Protein backbone atom coordinates (compact mmCIF):
# COMPACT_ATOMS: atom_id res chain seq x y z
CA MET A 1 37.75 -25.59 2.01
CA ALA A 2 40.27 -24.15 4.41
CA LEU A 3 39.70 -20.90 6.21
CA ASP A 4 41.62 -18.00 4.64
CA SER A 5 41.61 -14.59 6.30
CA ASP A 6 43.07 -13.10 3.10
CA ASN A 7 39.59 -13.55 1.62
CA VAL A 8 37.91 -11.25 4.15
CA ARG A 9 36.92 -8.06 2.32
CA VAL A 10 36.17 -4.58 3.59
CA ALA A 11 34.55 -1.92 1.41
CA VAL A 12 37.30 0.60 2.14
CA SER A 13 36.60 2.95 -0.74
CA GLY A 14 35.13 3.09 -4.19
CA ALA A 15 33.15 5.12 -6.66
CA VAL A 16 29.68 5.31 -8.19
CA TYR A 17 29.26 6.25 -11.84
CA VAL A 18 26.23 7.03 -14.02
CA ALA A 19 25.82 7.11 -17.81
CA PRO A 20 23.01 7.03 -20.34
CA THR A 21 21.68 3.52 -21.00
CA GLY A 22 23.32 1.98 -24.02
CA SER A 23 26.78 3.26 -23.05
CA THR A 24 29.49 0.67 -23.61
CA ALA A 25 29.51 -1.81 -20.75
CA PRO A 26 32.61 -2.64 -18.73
CA THR A 27 34.04 -6.14 -19.29
CA THR A 28 36.10 -6.75 -16.14
CA SER A 29 36.67 -5.28 -12.69
CA SER A 30 39.49 -3.14 -14.07
CA SER A 31 38.44 -2.34 -17.64
CA ALA A 32 38.32 1.35 -18.52
CA LEU A 33 34.83 2.83 -18.35
CA ASP A 34 33.17 4.44 -21.34
CA VAL A 35 33.75 8.21 -21.25
CA ALA A 36 29.99 8.64 -20.84
CA PHE A 37 30.23 7.41 -17.22
CA VAL A 38 30.36 10.30 -14.75
CA ASP A 39 31.73 9.88 -11.22
CA LEU A 40 29.00 10.97 -8.77
CA GLY A 41 31.46 11.89 -6.00
CA TYR A 42 31.47 11.23 -2.28
CA VAL A 43 29.09 8.72 -0.69
CA SER A 44 28.41 8.96 3.05
CA ALA A 45 30.36 6.81 5.52
CA ASP A 46 27.30 4.52 5.71
CA GLY A 47 28.43 3.17 2.33
CA ILE A 48 26.24 1.27 -0.09
CA SER A 49 23.47 -1.14 0.84
CA GLU A 50 22.78 -3.96 -1.60
CA SER A 51 19.42 -5.69 -1.50
CA ILE A 52 18.04 -8.71 -3.31
CA ASP A 53 14.36 -9.17 -2.53
CA ARG A 54 12.62 -12.37 -3.57
CA SER A 55 9.08 -13.47 -3.07
CA THR A 56 8.17 -17.09 -3.52
CA THR A 57 5.09 -19.18 -4.04
CA GLN A 58 4.79 -22.45 -2.20
CA ILE A 59 3.31 -25.40 -4.04
CA ARG A 60 1.64 -27.96 -1.81
CA ALA A 61 0.46 -31.46 -2.56
CA TRP A 62 -3.26 -32.12 -2.58
CA GLN A 63 -2.84 -35.51 -0.93
CA ASN A 64 -1.24 -34.42 2.33
CA GLY A 65 -0.67 -30.67 2.16
CA SER A 66 3.10 -31.14 2.19
CA LEU A 67 5.35 -28.58 0.58
CA VAL A 68 6.63 -30.14 -2.65
CA ARG A 69 8.21 -27.13 -4.31
CA GLU A 70 8.82 -23.43 -3.88
CA VAL A 71 9.21 -21.22 -6.92
CA THR A 72 10.49 -17.69 -7.10
CA ALA A 73 7.55 -15.52 -8.11
CA GLU A 74 9.47 -12.27 -8.40
CA GLY A 75 12.80 -10.73 -7.53
CA THR A 76 14.26 -7.25 -7.28
CA TYR A 77 17.88 -6.07 -7.06
CA SER A 78 18.55 -2.61 -5.66
CA VAL A 79 21.31 -0.54 -4.10
CA SER A 80 20.89 2.39 -1.74
CA MET A 81 23.33 5.10 -0.77
CA THR A 82 23.54 8.70 0.31
CA PHE A 83 25.62 11.03 -1.82
CA ILE A 84 27.20 13.82 0.20
CA GLU A 85 28.83 15.70 -2.65
CA THR A 86 26.64 18.36 -4.20
CA ASN A 87 27.41 18.44 -7.92
CA GLU A 88 25.41 18.68 -11.13
CA ALA A 89 25.26 14.93 -11.77
CA VAL A 90 24.02 14.16 -8.23
CA LEU A 91 21.41 16.93 -8.34
CA GLU A 92 20.12 15.73 -11.72
CA LEU A 93 19.95 12.16 -10.42
CA TYR A 94 18.24 13.12 -7.14
CA TYR A 95 15.69 15.51 -8.63
CA GLY A 96 15.12 13.54 -11.83
CA THR A 97 15.57 16.57 -14.03
CA ALA A 98 18.29 18.30 -16.01
CA ASN A 99 20.12 21.42 -14.95
CA SER A 100 19.10 24.51 -16.85
CA SER A 101 21.61 27.26 -15.96
CA GLY A 102 21.49 26.36 -12.26
CA GLN A 103 17.72 25.87 -12.22
CA PHE A 104 16.03 22.55 -11.52
CA ASP A 105 12.30 22.40 -12.28
CA ILE A 106 11.16 19.58 -10.01
CA ASP A 107 8.30 17.19 -10.73
CA PRO A 108 8.03 14.88 -7.70
CA THR A 109 6.89 12.01 -9.94
CA SER A 110 9.93 12.20 -12.25
CA THR A 111 12.64 9.58 -11.79
CA GLY A 112 14.85 10.95 -14.52
CA GLY A 113 14.43 7.68 -16.44
CA ARG A 114 16.64 4.67 -16.80
CA LYS A 115 20.40 5.04 -16.65
CA SER A 116 23.43 2.76 -16.51
CA PHE A 117 25.39 2.56 -13.26
CA VAL A 118 28.79 1.21 -12.24
CA LEU A 119 29.75 0.81 -8.59
CA ASP A 120 33.37 0.03 -7.80
CA VAL A 121 34.03 -1.30 -4.30
CA VAL A 122 37.72 -1.22 -3.43
CA ASP A 123 39.74 -3.04 -0.78
CA GLY A 124 43.42 -2.51 -1.59
CA SER A 125 44.07 -4.31 -4.88
CA ASN A 126 40.74 -6.15 -4.69
CA VAL A 127 37.89 -4.61 -6.65
CA GLU A 128 34.27 -5.67 -6.83
CA ARG A 129 32.60 -4.02 -9.81
CA ILE A 130 28.81 -3.90 -9.98
CA TYR A 131 27.30 -3.04 -13.36
CA ILE A 132 23.63 -2.12 -13.71
CA PRO A 133 22.92 -1.64 -17.43
CA ALA A 134 19.44 -0.26 -16.81
CA GLY A 135 18.56 1.16 -13.40
CA GLU A 136 16.25 3.84 -12.16
CA ILE A 137 15.92 5.92 -9.02
CA THR A 138 12.87 4.37 -7.36
CA ALA A 139 13.10 5.90 -3.89
CA LEU A 140 14.46 9.08 -2.37
CA GLY A 141 15.22 9.74 1.27
CA GLU A 142 14.62 13.00 3.04
CA ARG A 143 17.15 15.72 2.42
CA THR A 144 18.18 17.42 5.66
CA LEU A 145 19.73 20.87 5.68
CA ALA A 146 21.37 21.37 9.06
CA SER A 147 24.34 23.16 10.53
CA GLY A 148 27.30 20.87 11.06
CA GLU A 149 26.04 18.12 8.72
CA ALA A 150 26.80 17.33 5.12
CA VAL A 151 23.78 17.72 2.87
CA GLY A 152 22.84 14.20 1.80
CA TYR A 153 21.03 12.88 -1.25
CA ASP A 154 19.65 9.47 -0.27
CA VAL A 155 18.72 7.36 -3.32
CA THR A 156 17.67 3.82 -4.12
CA ILE A 157 18.55 2.48 -7.55
CA THR A 158 16.48 -0.46 -8.81
CA ALA A 159 17.92 -2.64 -11.57
CA TYR A 160 15.83 -3.84 -14.51
CA ALA A 161 16.43 -7.11 -16.35
CA ASP A 162 17.73 -7.12 -19.90
CA THR A 163 16.61 -9.50 -22.66
CA ASP A 164 18.60 -12.31 -21.01
CA SER A 165 16.92 -11.65 -17.63
CA THR A 166 20.19 -10.25 -16.25
CA ALA A 167 19.69 -7.20 -14.07
CA VAL A 168 23.22 -6.90 -12.70
CA THR A 169 26.69 -8.15 -13.62
CA LYS A 170 29.49 -8.38 -11.06
CA TRP A 171 33.20 -8.93 -11.37
CA PHE A 172 35.56 -9.74 -8.51
CA SER A 173 39.20 -9.00 -9.32
CA SER A 174 40.41 -11.75 -6.95
CA LEU A 175 38.48 -14.33 -9.01
CA GLU A 176 39.39 -13.15 -12.51
CA SER A 177 41.98 -15.23 -14.31
């Protein structure tokens, strides 16, 4: 395969959306999203961190102790980001509770439950779409309130597998025919 600098991507911009689980899934990198998906607004300049964690179990032979196989014991897909736009959807996501006339009754153990997420990563006409049909906020970062800084809502979304063991679907516009 020849080197091609046109294939170098930069996550220039994008958007993160949330909807109730069961909302109609996207079908391509450019398909219209179900109206249930809400744009969560600005993400900090640090962007989005994608993580695939795998743990494996090594199987060794009795005869000589050699490694003969390694199987994946478990795997987790997650994305982390810091929202810097304070809006109702972000506050509900961060605090894991619904807005009640501007009031959020916070239970530190509440995750807000499973939700569907779409992350669009844009580089010019190239779009990478990440679809998490069932994800949950599993970690929160500290929220700092300081002069001269945007208030940030640092979250980690963990994806759960569906009945086909698929936790995430991705589309790359440059690879779609």
